[in-house]
Amino acid sequence: MRAVAAGDSAAFSRLYDILSVATYTVFRRHFPDQAEADLAMKAMWLSVWQNASTLSHAPGTPSEKIVAIAEHWARSRVASAI
């Protein structure tokens, strides 16, 4: 996360490669429509990139933090659609 926070796009790419399946699974569970899941996924990962500095200081592993963010992001989007 520190490398991502420093703007290292290769580190971000590795992080995405490691966690993309787990985060996409979260979005597909909450958004049966694939297009909605894809949009949520893109927006969440953009947020991770933009907030990497803050995330690097938060407790927990990068995996724990990012999957939790995906879960929160998905739930908040579903709740706002109701």
N, C-alpha and C. Protein backbone atom coordinates (compact mmCIF):
# COMPACT_ATOMS: atom_id res chain seq x y z
N MET A 1 0.83 -1.19 0.00
CA MET A 1 0.00 0.00 0.00
C MET A 1 0.87 1.25 0.00
N ARG A 2 2.00 1.20 0.69
CA ARG A 2 2.86 2.39 0.71
C ARG A 2 3.38 2.74 -0.67
N ALA A 3 3.73 1.71 -1.44
CA ALA A 3 4.20 1.95 -2.81
C ALA A 3 3.08 2.55 -3.67
N VAL A 4 1.88 2.03 -3.50
CA VAL A 4 0.73 2.58 -4.23
C VAL A 4 0.50 4.03 -3.80
N ALA A 5 0.60 4.28 -2.51
CA ALA A 5 0.42 5.64 -2.00
C ALA A 5 1.46 6.60 -2.58
N ALA A 6 2.64 6.06 -2.90
CA ALA A 6 3.71 6.89 -3.49
C ALA A 6 3.54 7.05 -4.99
N GLY A 7 2.46 6.49 -5.55
CA GLY A 7 2.17 6.65 -6.97
C GLY A 7 2.75 5.55 -7.85
N ASP A 8 3.15 4.45 -7.26
CA ASP A 8 3.73 3.34 -8.02
C ASP A 8 2.63 2.55 -8.73
N SER A 9 2.48 2.80 -10.02
CA SER A 9 1.40 2.14 -10.77
C SER A 9 1.64 0.64 -10.92
N ALA A 10 2.89 0.20 -10.94
CA ALA A 10 3.18 -1.24 -11.01
C ALA A 10 2.72 -1.93 -9.72
N ALA A 11 2.92 -1.29 -8.58
CA ALA A 11 2.46 -1.84 -7.30
C ALA A 11 0.93 -1.90 -7.29
N PHE A 12 0.29 -0.87 -7.82
CA PHE A 12 -1.17 -0.87 -7.90
C PHE A 12 -1.65 -2.01 -8.80
N SER A 13 -0.98 -2.21 -9.90
CA SER A 13 -1.34 -3.29 -10.82
C SER A 13 -1.21 -4.66 -10.15
N ARG A 14 -0.14 -4.85 -9.38
CA ARG A 14 0.03 -6.12 -8.65
C ARG A 14 -1.08 -6.29 -7.62
N LEU A 15 -1.39 -5.23 -6.90
CA LEU A 15 -2.46 -5.28 -5.91
C LEU A 15 -3.79 -5.63 -6.57
N TYR A 16 -4.07 -5.00 -7.70
CA TYR A 16 -5.29 -5.28 -8.44
C TYR A 16 -5.32 -6.74 -8.89
N ASP A 17 -4.19 -7.22 -9.43
CA ASP A 17 -4.13 -8.60 -9.89
C ASP A 17 -4.41 -9.59 -8.76
N ILE A 18 -3.93 -9.28 -7.58
CA ILE A 18 -4.12 -10.17 -6.43
C ILE A 18 -5.56 -10.13 -5.92
N LEU A 19 -6.18 -8.95 -5.91
CA LEU A 19 -7.47 -8.78 -5.25
C LEU A 19 -8.67 -8.58 -6.18
N SER A 20 -8.45 -8.54 -7.47
CA SER A 20 -9.57 -8.24 -8.38
C SER A 20 -10.65 -9.31 -8.35
N VAL A 21 -10.29 -10.57 -8.26
CA VAL A 21 -11.30 -11.62 -8.24
C VAL A 21 -12.13 -11.52 -6.96
N ALA A 22 -11.47 -11.32 -5.83
CA ALA A 22 -12.19 -11.22 -4.56
C ALA A 22 -13.13 -10.02 -4.55
N THR A 23 -12.66 -8.87 -5.04
CA THR A 23 -13.51 -7.68 -5.02
C THR A 23 -14.64 -7.79 -6.05
N TYR A 24 -14.35 -8.37 -7.21
CA TYR A 24 -15.40 -8.53 -8.21
C TYR A 24 -16.48 -9.49 -7.71
N THR A 25 -16.08 -10.50 -6.98
CA THR A 25 -17.03 -11.44 -6.39
C THR A 25 -17.99 -10.71 -5.45
N VAL A 26 -17.44 -9.79 -4.66
CA VAL A 26 -18.28 -8.99 -3.75
C VAL A 26 -19.30 -8.21 -4.57
N PHE A 27 -18.85 -7.53 -5.62
CA PHE A 27 -19.77 -6.71 -6.42
C PHE A 27 -20.81 -7.55 -7.15
N ARG A 28 -20.42 -8.70 -7.65
CA ARG A 28 -21.40 -9.55 -8.33
C ARG A 28 -22.44 -10.11 -7.37
N ARG A 29 -22.04 -10.32 -6.13
CA ARG A 29 -23.00 -10.81 -5.14
C ARG A 29 -24.06 -9.74 -4.86
N HIS A 30 -23.66 -8.48 -4.88
CA HIS A 30 -24.59 -7.38 -4.58
C HIS A 30 -25.28 -6.84 -5.82
N PHE A 31 -24.63 -6.96 -6.97
CA PHE A 31 -25.19 -6.44 -8.23
C PHE A 31 -25.31 -7.58 -9.24
N PRO A 32 -26.48 -8.19 -9.34
CA PRO A 32 -26.65 -9.27 -10.32
C PRO A 32 -26.38 -8.81 -11.75
N ASP A 33 -26.63 -7.52 -12.02
CA ASP A 33 -26.38 -6.98 -13.35
C ASP A 33 -24.88 -6.76 -13.53
N GLN A 34 -24.29 -7.42 -14.53
CA GLN A 34 -22.85 -7.35 -14.73
C GLN A 34 -22.36 -5.93 -14.99
N ALA A 35 -23.10 -5.15 -15.74
CA ALA A 35 -22.69 -3.78 -16.04
C ALA A 35 -22.59 -2.93 -14.76
N GLU A 36 -23.54 -3.10 -13.86
CA GLU A 36 -23.50 -2.39 -12.58
C GLU A 36 -22.29 -2.83 -11.75
N ALA A 37 -22.04 -4.12 -11.73
CA ALA A 37 -20.89 -4.65 -10.99
C ALA A 37 -19.59 -4.11 -11.57
N ASP A 38 -19.51 -4.05 -12.89
CA ASP A 38 -18.30 -3.53 -13.54
C ASP A 38 -18.07 -2.07 -13.20
N LEU A 39 -19.14 -1.27 -13.24
CA LEU A 39 -19.01 0.16 -12.90
C LEU A 39 -18.61 0.36 -11.45
N ALA A 40 -19.22 -0.40 -10.56
CA ALA A 40 -18.87 -0.29 -9.15
C ALA A 40 -17.42 -0.70 -8.91
N MET A 41 -16.99 -1.74 -9.59
CA MET A 41 -15.61 -2.22 -9.47
C MET A 41 -14.63 -1.13 -9.91
N LYS A 42 -14.88 -0.53 -11.04
CA LYS A 42 -13.99 0.53 -11.55
C LYS A 42 -13.95 1.70 -10.58
N ALA A 43 -15.10 2.11 -10.11
CA ALA A 43 -15.16 3.26 -9.19
C ALA A 43 -14.45 2.96 -7.88
N MET A 44 -14.63 1.76 -7.36
CA MET A 44 -14.00 1.40 -6.09
C MET A 44 -12.48 1.37 -6.23
N TRP A 45 -11.97 0.77 -7.32
CA TRP A 45 -10.52 0.70 -7.50
C TRP A 45 -9.93 2.09 -7.77
N LEU A 46 -10.66 2.96 -8.43
CA LEU A 46 -10.19 4.33 -8.59
C LEU A 46 -10.08 5.00 -7.22
N SER A 47 -11.05 4.75 -6.37
CA SER A 47 -11.02 5.28 -5.01
C SER A 47 -9.82 4.73 -4.23
N VAL A 48 -9.52 3.46 -4.40
CA VAL A 48 -8.35 2.88 -3.73
C VAL A 48 -7.09 3.60 -4.18
N TRP A 49 -6.95 3.83 -5.47
CA TRP A 49 -5.78 4.54 -6.01
C TRP A 49 -5.69 5.95 -5.44
N GLN A 50 -6.81 6.66 -5.44
CA GLN A 50 -6.83 8.05 -4.99
C GLN A 50 -6.64 8.19 -3.48
N ASN A 51 -7.01 7.16 -2.72
CA ASN A 51 -6.93 7.23 -1.26
C ASN A 51 -5.88 6.29 -0.67
N ALA A 52 -4.94 5.87 -1.48
CA ALA A 52 -3.94 4.89 -1.04
C ALA A 52 -3.12 5.39 0.14
N SER A 53 -2.86 6.66 0.20
CA SER A 53 -2.09 7.20 1.32
C SER A 53 -2.82 7.00 2.64
N THR A 54 -4.08 7.32 2.67
CA THR A 54 -4.88 7.12 3.87
C THR A 54 -5.00 5.64 4.20
N LEU A 55 -5.23 4.83 3.17
CA LEU A 55 -5.39 3.39 3.38
C LEU A 55 -4.11 2.74 3.89
N SER A 56 -2.97 3.26 3.47
CA SER A 56 -1.71 2.65 3.90
C SER A 56 -1.48 2.81 5.40
N HIS A 57 -2.13 3.79 6.01
CA HIS A 57 -1.98 4.01 7.45
C HIS A 57 -3.09 3.36 8.29
N ALA A 58 -4.10 2.86 7.63
CA ALA A 58 -5.21 2.22 8.34
C ALA A 58 -4.78 0.83 8.82
N PRO A 59 -5.34 0.37 9.93
CA PRO A 59 -4.97 -0.95 10.42
C PRO A 59 -5.46 -2.07 9.49
N GLY A 60 -4.75 -3.17 9.50
CA GLY A 60 -5.12 -4.33 8.71
C GLY A 60 -4.24 -4.50 7.49
N THR A 61 -4.35 -5.66 6.87
CA THR A 61 -3.58 -5.94 5.67
C THR A 61 -4.25 -5.25 4.48
N PRO A 62 -3.52 -5.03 3.41
CA PRO A 62 -4.15 -4.46 2.22
C PRO A 62 -5.34 -5.31 1.75
N SER A 63 -5.20 -6.62 1.81
CA SER A 63 -6.31 -7.50 1.39
C SER A 63 -7.54 -7.26 2.25
N GLU A 64 -7.36 -7.23 3.56
CA GLU A 64 -8.50 -7.01 4.47
C GLU A 64 -9.15 -5.66 4.20
N LYS A 65 -8.33 -4.64 4.05
CA LYS A 65 -8.86 -3.29 3.84
C LYS A 65 -9.63 -3.18 2.53
N ILE A 66 -9.05 -3.69 1.46
CA ILE A 66 -9.66 -3.51 0.15
C ILE A 66 -10.92 -4.34 -0.01
N VAL A 67 -10.93 -5.55 0.48
CA VAL A 67 -12.16 -6.36 0.41
C VAL A 67 -13.25 -5.72 1.28
N ALA A 68 -12.88 -5.18 2.43
CA ALA A 68 -13.85 -4.49 3.29
C ALA A 68 -14.38 -3.24 2.59
N ILE A 69 -13.53 -2.53 1.89
CA ILE A 69 -13.97 -1.35 1.13
C ILE A 69 -14.95 -1.77 0.04
N ALA A 70 -14.66 -2.85 -0.66
CA ALA A 70 -15.56 -3.34 -1.70
C ALA A 70 -16.92 -3.69 -1.11
N GLU A 71 -16.91 -4.36 0.03
CA GLU A 71 -18.17 -4.74 0.68
C GLU A 71 -18.95 -3.49 1.09
N HIS A 72 -18.27 -2.54 1.70
CA HIS A 72 -18.93 -1.30 2.12
C HIS A 72 -19.45 -0.54 0.89
N TRP A 73 -18.63 -0.44 -0.13
CA TRP A 73 -18.99 0.27 -1.35
C TRP A 73 -20.24 -0.35 -1.97
N ALA A 74 -20.25 -1.67 -2.07
CA ALA A 74 -21.40 -2.37 -2.67
C ALA A 74 -22.66 -2.17 -1.85
N ARG A 75 -22.55 -2.33 -0.53
CA ARG A 75 -23.73 -2.16 0.32
C ARG A 75 -24.28 -0.74 0.26
N SER A 76 -23.40 0.24 0.25
CA SER A 76 -23.87 1.63 0.21
C SER A 76 -24.52 1.95 -1.12
N ARG A 77 -24.03 1.38 -2.23
CA ARG A 77 -24.64 1.62 -3.53
C ARG A 77 -26.00 0.94 -3.63
N VAL A 78 -26.11 -0.26 -3.09
CA VAL A 78 -27.41 -0.96 -3.09
C VAL A 78 -28.40 -0.21 -2.23
N ALA A 79 -27.96 0.23 -1.04
CA ALA A 79 -28.85 0.96 -0.13
C ALA A 79 -29.33 2.27 -0.75
N SER A 80 -28.44 2.95 -1.48
CA SER A 80 -28.85 4.24 -2.07
C SER A 80 -29.79 4.04 -3.25
N ALA A 81 -29.81 2.84 -3.81
CA ALA A 81 -30.70 2.55 -4.95
C ALA A 81 -32.11 2.18 -4.50
N ILE A 82 -32.25 1.88 -3.20
CA ILE A 82 -33.57 1.45 -2.69
C ILE A 82 -34.46 2.63 -2.43
